[in-house]
N, C-alpha and C. Protein backbone atom coordinates (compact mmCIF):
# COMPACT_ATOMS: atom_id res chain seq x y z
N UNK A 1 63.01 62.43 94.02
CA UNK A 1 63.52 63.23 92.83
C UNK A 1 63.28 64.59 93.11
N UNK A 2 62.16 65.06 93.87
CA UNK A 2 61.96 66.44 93.98
C UNK A 2 63.03 67.10 94.84
N UNK A 3 63.62 66.24 95.95
CA UNK A 3 64.62 66.64 96.79
C UNK A 3 65.72 66.97 95.95
N UNK A 4 66.13 65.97 95.26
CA UNK A 4 67.37 66.25 94.46
C UNK A 4 67.35 67.55 93.47
N UNK A 5 66.31 67.77 92.92
CA UNK A 5 65.93 68.95 92.01
C UNK A 5 65.96 70.08 92.96
N UNK A 6 65.44 70.06 94.04
CA UNK A 6 65.43 71.28 95.08
C UNK A 6 66.90 71.51 95.41
N UNK A 7 67.66 70.47 95.79
CA UNK A 7 69.00 70.65 96.14
C UNK A 7 69.90 71.08 95.07
N UNK A 8 69.69 70.72 93.95
CA UNK A 8 70.38 71.19 92.68
C UNK A 8 70.17 72.64 92.51
N UNK A 9 68.85 73.14 92.64
CA UNK A 9 68.64 74.55 92.32
C UNK A 9 69.12 75.35 93.42
N UNK A 10 69.17 74.90 94.72
CA UNK A 10 69.63 75.61 95.68
C UNK A 10 71.15 75.80 95.68
N UNK A 11 71.84 74.59 95.34
CA UNK A 11 73.31 74.82 95.05
C UNK A 11 73.73 75.61 94.06
N UNK A 12 72.97 75.64 92.84
CA UNK A 12 73.18 76.50 91.81
C UNK A 12 72.98 78.03 92.15
N UNK A 13 71.97 78.24 92.84
CA UNK A 13 71.72 79.64 93.44
C UNK A 13 72.75 80.24 94.26
N UNK A 14 73.41 79.32 95.15
CA UNK A 14 74.48 79.64 96.16
C UNK A 14 75.68 80.02 95.21
N UNK A 15 75.85 79.15 94.26
CA UNK A 15 77.19 79.32 93.55
C UNK A 15 77.14 80.70 92.76
N UNK A 16 75.91 81.09 92.30
CA UNK A 16 75.76 82.24 91.48
C UNK A 16 75.89 83.50 92.44
N UNK A 17 75.42 83.36 93.61
CA UNK A 17 75.64 84.44 94.78
C UNK A 17 77.05 84.63 95.13
N UNK A 18 77.75 83.40 95.28
CA UNK A 18 79.17 83.65 95.60
C UNK A 18 80.00 84.09 94.38
N UNK A 19 79.71 83.65 93.31
CA UNK A 19 80.54 84.21 92.09
C UNK A 19 80.28 85.64 91.71
N UNK A 20 79.13 86.22 92.28
CA UNK A 20 78.89 87.50 91.96
C UNK A 20 79.87 88.39 92.68
N UNK A 21 80.28 89.54 92.19
CA UNK A 21 81.15 90.49 92.98
C UNK A 21 80.15 91.30 93.73
N UNK A 22 80.45 91.75 94.82
CA UNK A 22 79.57 92.90 95.68
C UNK A 22 79.86 94.14 94.98
N UNK A 23 78.95 95.06 94.95
CA UNK A 23 78.93 96.34 94.32
C UNK A 23 80.38 97.01 94.85
N UNK A 24 81.08 97.64 94.09
CA UNK A 24 82.47 98.48 94.55
C UNK A 24 81.91 99.65 95.30
N UNK A 25 82.49 99.88 96.42
CA UNK A 25 82.24 101.02 97.27
C UNK A 25 83.71 101.83 97.16
N UNK A 26 83.50 103.02 96.80
CA UNK A 26 84.88 103.78 96.81
C UNK A 26 85.30 104.32 98.04
N UNK A 27 86.21 103.52 98.74
CA UNK A 27 86.61 103.86 100.00
C UNK A 27 87.21 105.23 100.05
N UNK A 28 87.76 105.63 98.99
CA UNK A 28 88.55 106.96 98.97
C UNK A 28 87.73 108.21 98.41
N UNK A 29 86.40 108.02 98.27
CA UNK A 29 85.78 109.07 97.68
C UNK A 29 85.91 110.40 98.52
N UNK A 30 85.84 110.32 99.89
CA UNK A 30 85.99 111.49 100.61
C UNK A 30 87.41 111.98 100.74
N UNK A 31 88.39 111.28 100.28
CA UNK A 31 89.75 111.61 100.39
C UNK A 31 90.49 112.12 99.02
N UNK A 32 89.67 111.98 97.94
CA UNK A 32 90.22 112.15 96.58
C UNK A 32 90.84 113.59 96.48
N UNK A 33 90.16 114.52 97.17
CA UNK A 33 90.51 115.94 96.89
C UNK A 33 91.99 116.13 97.39
N UNK A 34 92.53 115.23 98.08
CA UNK A 34 93.95 115.24 98.50
C UNK A 34 94.99 114.75 97.66
N UNK A 35 94.65 113.93 96.60
CA UNK A 35 95.56 113.19 95.78
C UNK A 35 96.26 114.29 95.07
N UNK A 36 97.51 114.09 94.96
CA UNK A 36 98.37 114.82 94.09
C UNK A 36 99.74 115.27 94.98
N UNK A 37 100.47 116.33 94.33
CA UNK A 37 101.52 116.90 94.85
C UNK A 37 101.31 118.32 95.38
N UNK A 38 101.58 118.66 96.76
CA UNK A 38 101.23 119.80 97.21
C UNK A 38 102.44 120.66 97.70
N UNK A 39 102.55 121.97 97.39
CA UNK A 39 103.60 122.77 97.92
C UNK A 39 103.08 123.82 98.97
N UNK A 40 103.60 124.05 100.00
CA UNK A 40 103.10 125.04 101.06
C UNK A 40 103.33 126.49 100.48
N UNK A 41 102.30 127.26 100.72
CA UNK A 41 102.24 128.69 100.14
C UNK A 41 102.98 129.48 101.08
N UNK A 42 103.53 130.58 100.52
CA UNK A 42 104.42 131.60 101.41
C UNK A 42 105.78 130.97 101.38
N UNK A 43 106.21 129.91 100.74
CA UNK A 43 107.64 129.52 100.88
C UNK A 43 108.61 130.42 100.47
N UNK A 44 109.62 130.38 101.11
CA UNK A 44 110.79 131.52 100.64
C UNK A 44 110.74 132.72 101.35
N UNK A 45 109.65 132.91 102.18
CA UNK A 45 109.56 134.25 102.98
C UNK A 45 110.55 134.14 104.26
N UNK A 46 111.18 135.17 104.45
CA UNK A 46 112.16 135.14 105.64
C UNK A 46 111.39 134.64 107.03
N UNK A 47 112.05 133.76 107.61
CA UNK A 47 111.58 133.21 108.97
C UNK A 47 110.43 132.02 108.76
N UNK A 48 110.02 131.84 107.56
CA UNK A 48 109.14 130.76 107.47
C UNK A 48 109.55 129.44 106.96
N UNK A 49 108.94 128.49 107.39
CA UNK A 49 109.55 127.19 106.85
C UNK A 49 108.91 126.68 105.49
N UNK A 50 109.46 125.80 104.91
CA UNK A 50 108.99 125.58 103.57
C UNK A 50 108.59 123.99 103.56
N UNK A 51 107.72 123.77 102.70
CA UNK A 51 107.28 122.19 102.87
C UNK A 51 106.55 121.81 101.58
N UNK A 52 106.57 120.58 101.43
CA UNK A 52 105.69 119.89 100.36
C UNK A 52 105.33 118.58 100.71
N UNK A 53 104.28 117.85 100.05
CA UNK A 53 103.98 116.55 100.38
C UNK A 53 103.24 116.02 99.17
N UNK A 54 103.15 114.72 99.08
CA UNK A 54 102.40 114.06 97.99
C UNK A 54 101.49 113.14 98.77
N UNK A 55 100.31 112.80 98.18
CA UNK A 55 99.39 111.82 98.57
C UNK A 55 99.07 111.07 97.35
N UNK A 56 99.05 109.75 97.31
CA UNK A 56 98.86 108.82 96.16
C UNK A 56 98.32 107.52 96.70
N UNK A 57 97.49 107.13 95.76
CA UNK A 57 96.89 105.65 95.97
C UNK A 57 98.12 104.72 95.83
N UNK A 58 98.16 103.55 96.40
CA UNK A 58 99.25 102.63 96.44
C UNK A 58 98.52 101.22 96.58
N UNK A 59 99.32 100.20 96.28
CA UNK A 59 98.91 98.69 96.52
C UNK A 59 97.48 98.59 95.89
N UNK A 60 97.42 98.84 94.60
CA UNK A 60 96.19 98.64 93.79
C UNK A 60 95.04 99.29 94.52
N UNK A 61 95.45 100.53 94.98
CA UNK A 61 94.16 101.33 95.57
C UNK A 61 93.77 100.98 96.81
N UNK A 62 94.45 100.08 97.55
CA UNK A 62 94.03 99.62 98.87
C UNK A 62 94.30 100.53 99.99
N UNK A 63 95.43 101.43 99.74
CA UNK A 63 95.88 102.30 100.71
C UNK A 63 96.19 103.67 100.07
N UNK A 64 96.16 104.67 100.82
CA UNK A 64 96.71 105.97 100.32
C UNK A 64 97.98 106.34 101.18
N UNK A 65 98.98 106.73 100.35
CA UNK A 65 100.21 107.15 101.19
C UNK A 65 100.70 108.54 100.94
N UNK A 66 100.93 109.12 102.02
CA UNK A 66 101.46 110.45 102.12
C UNK A 66 102.86 110.54 102.62
N UNK A 67 103.61 111.14 101.84
CA UNK A 67 105.16 111.62 102.09
C UNK A 67 105.18 113.00 102.19
N UNK A 68 105.75 113.51 103.35
CA UNK A 68 105.80 114.94 103.64
C UNK A 68 107.36 115.21 104.03
N UNK A 69 107.71 116.51 103.47
CA UNK A 69 109.10 117.05 103.83
C UNK A 69 108.96 118.50 104.06
N UNK A 70 109.53 118.84 105.26
CA UNK A 70 109.41 120.27 105.45
C UNK A 70 110.95 120.77 105.97
N UNK A 71 111.12 121.99 105.88
CA UNK A 71 112.43 122.67 106.33
C UNK A 71 112.19 123.93 106.98
N UNK A 72 112.83 124.14 108.19
CA UNK A 72 112.56 125.29 108.99
C UNK A 72 114.00 126.02 109.25
N UNK A 73 113.95 127.27 108.99
CA UNK A 73 115.31 128.10 109.09
C UNK A 73 115.57 128.20 110.54
N UNK A 74 116.79 128.44 110.75
CA UNK A 74 117.20 128.83 112.24
C UNK A 74 116.50 130.03 112.67
N UNK A 75 116.19 130.03 113.86
CA UNK A 75 115.31 131.21 114.39
C UNK A 75 115.42 131.16 115.82
N UNK A 76 115.51 132.37 116.41
CA UNK A 76 115.56 132.71 117.86
C UNK A 76 116.34 131.72 118.67
N UNK A 77 117.57 131.41 118.18
CA UNK A 77 118.58 130.54 118.69
C UNK A 77 118.32 129.13 118.52
N UNK A 78 117.39 128.86 117.76
CA UNK A 78 117.08 127.43 117.36
C UNK A 78 117.75 127.13 116.10
N UNK A 79 118.32 125.97 116.01
CA UNK A 79 119.04 125.66 114.76
C UNK A 79 118.00 125.24 113.58
N UNK A 80 118.49 125.33 112.39
CA UNK A 80 117.58 124.97 111.18
C UNK A 80 117.35 123.46 111.43
N UNK A 81 116.08 123.01 110.95
CA UNK A 81 115.66 121.69 111.09
C UNK A 81 114.97 121.23 109.79
N UNK A 82 114.86 119.83 109.78
CA UNK A 82 114.17 119.28 108.65
C UNK A 82 113.15 118.35 109.30
N UNK A 83 111.99 118.10 108.53
CA UNK A 83 111.11 117.04 109.16
C UNK A 83 110.68 116.25 107.97
N UNK A 84 110.72 114.89 108.01
CA UNK A 84 110.17 114.11 107.17
C UNK A 84 109.10 113.06 107.82
N UNK A 85 108.01 112.80 107.13
CA UNK A 85 107.16 111.76 107.60
C UNK A 85 106.42 111.01 106.78
N UNK A 86 105.85 109.93 107.01
CA UNK A 86 105.16 109.06 106.16
C UNK A 86 103.85 108.62 106.74
N UNK A 87 102.84 108.64 106.07
CA UNK A 87 101.53 108.30 106.62
C UNK A 87 100.91 107.38 105.74
N UNK A 88 100.24 106.18 106.22
CA UNK A 88 99.50 105.28 105.35
C UNK A 88 98.04 105.34 105.95
N UNK A 89 97.09 105.47 105.02
CA UNK A 89 95.72 105.54 105.31
C UNK A 89 95.19 104.48 104.66
N UNK A 90 94.31 103.70 105.46
CA UNK A 90 93.81 102.40 104.99
C UNK A 90 92.41 102.15 105.60
N UNK A 91 91.68 101.18 105.01
CA UNK A 91 90.38 100.72 105.61
C UNK A 91 90.70 99.54 106.53
N UNK A 92 90.32 99.72 107.66
CA UNK A 92 90.56 98.61 108.73
C UNK A 92 89.28 97.74 108.76
N UNK A 93 89.58 96.64 109.23
CA UNK A 93 88.36 95.57 109.42
C UNK A 93 87.24 96.24 109.89
N UNK A 94 86.12 96.03 109.33
CA UNK A 94 84.87 96.74 109.88
C UNK A 94 84.59 97.93 109.16
N UNK A 95 85.30 98.40 108.28
CA UNK A 95 85.04 99.43 107.45
C UNK A 95 85.47 100.83 107.91
N UNK A 96 86.08 101.06 109.12
CA UNK A 96 86.51 102.43 109.54
C UNK A 96 87.80 102.68 108.91
N UNK A 97 87.85 104.00 108.33
CA UNK A 97 89.17 104.37 107.78
C UNK A 97 90.19 104.81 108.85
N UNK A 98 91.34 104.37 108.85
CA UNK A 98 92.36 104.63 109.78
C UNK A 98 93.66 105.29 109.05
N UNK A 99 94.50 105.77 109.79
CA UNK A 99 95.81 106.16 109.25
C UNK A 99 96.86 105.85 110.50
N UNK A 100 98.10 105.44 109.96
CA UNK A 100 99.35 105.30 110.71
C UNK A 100 100.46 106.31 110.26
N UNK A 101 101.03 106.93 111.24
CA UNK A 101 101.99 108.03 110.90
C UNK A 101 103.24 107.57 111.58
N UNK A 102 104.39 108.06 110.86
CA UNK A 102 105.71 107.78 111.39
C UNK A 102 106.51 109.03 111.03
N UNK A 103 107.51 109.47 111.73
CA UNK A 103 108.38 110.64 111.20
C UNK A 103 109.79 110.30 111.75
N UNK A 104 110.65 111.19 111.17
CA UNK A 104 112.06 111.04 111.43
C UNK A 104 112.59 111.46 112.84
N UNK A 105 111.62 111.94 113.78
CA UNK A 105 111.75 112.44 115.10
C UNK A 105 111.35 111.25 116.18
N UNK A 106 110.98 109.92 115.56
CA UNK A 106 110.55 108.92 116.33
C UNK A 106 109.12 108.88 116.80
N UNK A 107 108.29 109.72 116.32
CA UNK A 107 106.80 109.89 116.57
C UNK A 107 106.12 108.80 115.83
N UNK A 108 105.08 108.12 116.47
CA UNK A 108 104.18 107.19 115.81
C UNK A 108 102.83 107.57 116.20
N UNK A 109 101.91 107.71 115.41
CA UNK A 109 100.55 108.24 115.69
C UNK A 109 99.58 107.34 115.00
N UNK A 110 98.65 106.89 115.62
CA UNK A 110 97.35 106.11 115.09
C UNK A 110 96.26 106.97 114.99
N UNK A 111 95.53 107.15 113.81
CA UNK A 111 94.41 108.02 113.74
C UNK A 111 93.18 107.41 113.20
N UNK A 112 91.99 107.87 113.75
CA UNK A 112 90.74 107.57 113.18
C UNK A 112 90.30 108.69 112.22
N UNK A 113 89.88 108.34 110.93
CA UNK A 113 89.70 109.34 110.06
C UNK A 113 88.28 109.52 109.64
N UNK A 114 87.76 110.68 109.60
CA UNK A 114 86.36 111.04 109.29
C UNK A 114 86.42 112.13 108.18
N UNK A 115 85.23 112.11 107.53
CA UNK A 115 84.99 113.22 106.47
C UNK A 115 83.79 114.12 106.60
N UNK A 116 83.81 115.27 106.37
CA UNK A 116 82.57 116.07 106.31
C UNK A 116 81.55 115.61 105.43
N UNK A 117 80.29 115.85 105.57
CA UNK A 117 79.31 115.39 104.57
C UNK A 117 79.51 115.96 103.08
N UNK A 118 79.94 117.05 103.21
CA UNK A 118 80.14 117.70 101.74
C UNK A 118 81.43 117.22 101.15
N UNK A 119 82.30 116.56 101.76
CA UNK A 119 83.43 116.02 101.20
C UNK A 119 84.63 117.01 100.94
N UNK A 120 84.64 117.96 101.56
CA UNK A 120 85.48 119.17 101.80
C UNK A 120 86.62 119.06 102.85
N UNK A 121 86.26 118.40 103.79
CA UNK A 121 87.10 118.48 105.21
C UNK A 121 87.32 116.95 105.48
N UNK A 122 88.63 116.73 105.74
CA UNK A 122 89.04 115.29 106.23
C UNK A 122 89.77 115.64 107.48
N UNK A 123 89.22 114.86 108.55
CA UNK A 123 89.73 115.02 109.79
C UNK A 123 90.25 113.74 110.44
N UNK A 124 91.58 113.85 111.10
CA UNK A 124 92.20 112.66 111.62
C UNK A 124 92.32 113.08 113.02
N UNK A 125 91.83 112.18 114.06
CA UNK A 125 92.05 112.28 115.48
C UNK A 125 92.69 111.14 115.99
N UNK A 126 93.80 111.33 116.77
CA UNK A 126 94.65 110.27 117.29
C UNK A 126 93.77 109.70 118.37
N UNK A 127 94.23 108.23 118.48
CA UNK A 127 93.64 107.43 119.56
C UNK A 127 94.17 107.96 120.94
N UNK A 128 93.35 108.01 121.94
CA UNK A 128 93.85 108.55 123.25
C UNK A 128 94.93 107.60 123.68
N UNK A 129 95.93 108.06 124.39
CA UNK A 129 96.95 107.18 124.93
C UNK A 129 97.30 107.76 126.17
N UNK A 130 97.12 107.03 127.29
CA UNK A 130 97.27 107.49 128.71
C UNK A 130 98.61 108.17 128.84
N UNK A 131 98.77 109.43 129.43
CA UNK A 131 99.83 110.19 129.68
C UNK A 131 100.53 110.72 128.64
N UNK A 132 99.82 110.90 127.32
CA UNK A 132 100.45 111.47 126.16
C UNK A 132 99.38 112.50 125.54
N UNK A 133 99.89 113.34 124.85
CA UNK A 133 99.20 114.32 124.16
C UNK A 133 98.16 113.69 123.13
N UNK A 134 97.20 114.27 122.68
CA UNK A 134 96.33 113.76 121.59
C UNK A 134 96.43 114.75 120.52
N UNK A 135 96.38 114.26 119.26
CA UNK A 135 96.41 115.17 118.01
C UNK A 135 95.30 114.97 117.09
N UNK A 136 95.14 116.11 116.38
CA UNK A 136 94.09 116.38 115.44
C UNK A 136 94.88 116.88 114.13
N UNK A 137 94.56 116.31 112.94
CA UNK A 137 95.16 116.86 111.76
C UNK A 137 93.84 117.05 110.88
N UNK A 138 93.78 118.31 110.29
CA UNK A 138 92.50 118.67 109.43
C UNK A 138 92.93 119.15 108.25
N UNK A 139 92.41 118.53 107.13
CA UNK A 139 92.67 119.01 105.53
C UNK A 139 91.46 119.67 105.18
N UNK A 140 91.32 120.82 104.79
CA UNK A 140 90.13 121.53 104.27
C UNK A 140 90.43 121.97 102.71
N UNK A 141 89.62 121.33 101.75
CA UNK A 141 89.88 121.70 100.54
C UNK A 141 89.18 123.09 100.07
N UNK A 142 90.01 123.82 99.45
CA UNK A 142 89.62 125.07 98.90
C UNK A 142 89.42 125.25 97.53
N UNK A 143 89.26 126.41 97.02
CA UNK A 143 89.05 126.71 95.55
C UNK A 143 90.49 126.63 94.87
N UNK A 144 90.32 126.39 93.41
CA UNK A 144 91.45 126.44 92.54
C UNK A 144 92.65 125.73 93.17
N UNK A 145 92.50 124.56 93.38
CA UNK A 145 93.60 123.47 93.85
C UNK A 145 94.33 124.12 95.18
N UNK A 146 93.60 124.54 96.17
CA UNK A 146 94.25 125.14 97.43
C UNK A 146 93.86 124.15 98.53
N UNK A 147 94.51 124.11 99.46
CA UNK A 147 94.21 123.15 100.69
C UNK A 147 94.67 123.83 102.07
N UNK A 148 93.91 123.96 103.02
CA UNK A 148 94.14 124.36 104.34
C UNK A 148 94.51 123.21 105.19
N UNK A 149 95.69 123.29 106.16
CA UNK A 149 96.01 122.25 106.92
C UNK A 149 96.17 122.83 108.33
N UNK A 150 95.57 122.17 109.30
CA UNK A 150 95.66 122.48 110.54
C UNK A 150 96.21 121.19 111.55
N UNK A 151 97.16 121.36 112.29
CA UNK A 151 97.70 120.47 113.25
C UNK A 151 97.53 120.88 114.59
N UNK A 152 96.72 120.20 115.42
CA UNK A 152 96.28 120.54 116.69
C UNK A 152 96.78 119.49 117.88
N UNK A 153 97.07 119.85 118.95
CA UNK A 153 97.37 119.10 120.13
C UNK A 153 96.58 119.33 121.36
N UNK A 154 96.31 118.27 122.03
CA UNK A 154 95.73 118.56 123.43
C UNK A 154 96.55 117.87 124.39
N UNK A 155 96.88 118.63 125.64
CA UNK A 155 97.65 118.12 126.59
C UNK A 155 97.23 116.74 127.19
N UNK A 156 98.26 115.92 127.73
CA UNK A 156 97.69 114.72 128.45
C UNK A 156 96.75 114.95 129.43
N UNK A 157 95.74 114.07 129.40
CA UNK A 157 94.59 114.19 130.48
C UNK A 157 93.59 115.05 129.95
N UNK A 158 93.74 115.82 129.06
CA UNK A 158 92.70 116.74 128.36
C UNK A 158 92.43 116.41 126.95
N UNK A 159 91.95 115.38 126.81
CA UNK A 159 91.67 114.60 125.34
C UNK A 159 91.09 115.51 124.32
N UNK A 160 90.24 116.53 124.80
CA UNK A 160 89.54 117.26 123.64
C UNK A 160 89.99 118.71 123.87
N UNK A 161 90.90 119.15 124.57
CA UNK A 161 91.43 120.57 124.71
C UNK A 161 92.35 120.85 123.70
N UNK A 162 92.10 120.78 122.35
CA UNK A 162 92.92 120.87 121.21
C UNK A 162 93.35 122.49 120.96
N UNK A 163 94.58 122.63 120.85
CA UNK A 163 95.10 124.03 120.49
C UNK A 163 96.02 123.86 119.20
N UNK A 164 95.85 124.99 118.54
CA UNK A 164 96.64 124.83 117.06
C UNK A 164 98.13 124.96 117.38
N UNK A 165 98.94 123.89 116.79
CA UNK A 165 100.12 123.76 116.82
C UNK A 165 101.00 124.40 115.69
N UNK A 166 100.43 124.05 114.39
CA UNK A 166 100.91 124.45 113.08
C UNK A 166 99.65 124.66 112.30
N UNK A 167 99.76 125.38 111.38
CA UNK A 167 98.59 125.93 110.49
C UNK A 167 99.08 126.45 109.28
N UNK A 168 98.60 126.07 108.09
CA UNK A 168 99.05 126.74 106.69
C UNK A 168 98.29 126.34 105.63
N UNK A 169 98.63 126.91 104.36
CA UNK A 169 97.94 126.51 103.24
C UNK A 169 98.92 125.89 102.24
N UNK A 170 98.46 125.12 101.31
CA UNK A 170 99.12 124.65 100.32
C UNK A 170 98.45 124.78 98.87
N UNK A 171 99.25 124.81 97.94
CA UNK A 171 98.81 124.87 96.45
C UNK A 171 99.18 123.41 95.79
N UNK A 172 98.33 122.89 95.05
CA UNK A 172 98.59 121.71 94.24
C UNK A 172 99.66 122.13 93.09
N UNK A 173 100.73 121.29 93.09
CA UNK A 173 101.53 121.52 91.95
C UNK A 173 100.94 121.35 90.58
N UNK A 174 101.39 122.15 89.62
CA UNK A 174 100.85 122.06 88.20
C UNK A 174 101.54 120.80 87.57
N UNK A 175 100.85 120.14 86.81
CA UNK A 175 101.62 118.89 86.14
C UNK A 175 102.53 119.31 84.98
């Protein structure tokens, strides 16, 4: 009789443990300063490109999606160009935050994502690929809805020799 009572209590405790939801962890806490619609500062100045991007939660908050559009005027014998890209930021198995990037030029980049302890800087570093450059994309939150963006590259075979390729500032669009 004691065994049956003990098994019933153990089974009941197990069911309570299974039925209880684990405490919610905010996967996106370090990224929330990026949510919204952003426009590049200095747009419309002669010789400068213009651009905007949005970053929003999607799939019931399971991923963040960034859509970017930039235009560059003809300059120095180079024709005018446009650039569109899509990035999906997600929590990979094991808890690591990752990002996958695709653009209209055929580039595909896989990033590992990390945040500064103060939650103001989000850094994405591409996975090393033999014979290919490595990339680092950094977002720095500023005051009054501003954001600094820096995109760096390192040459093949020099994984951490990053040099700035593009850098600029954005301002959050007013609702």
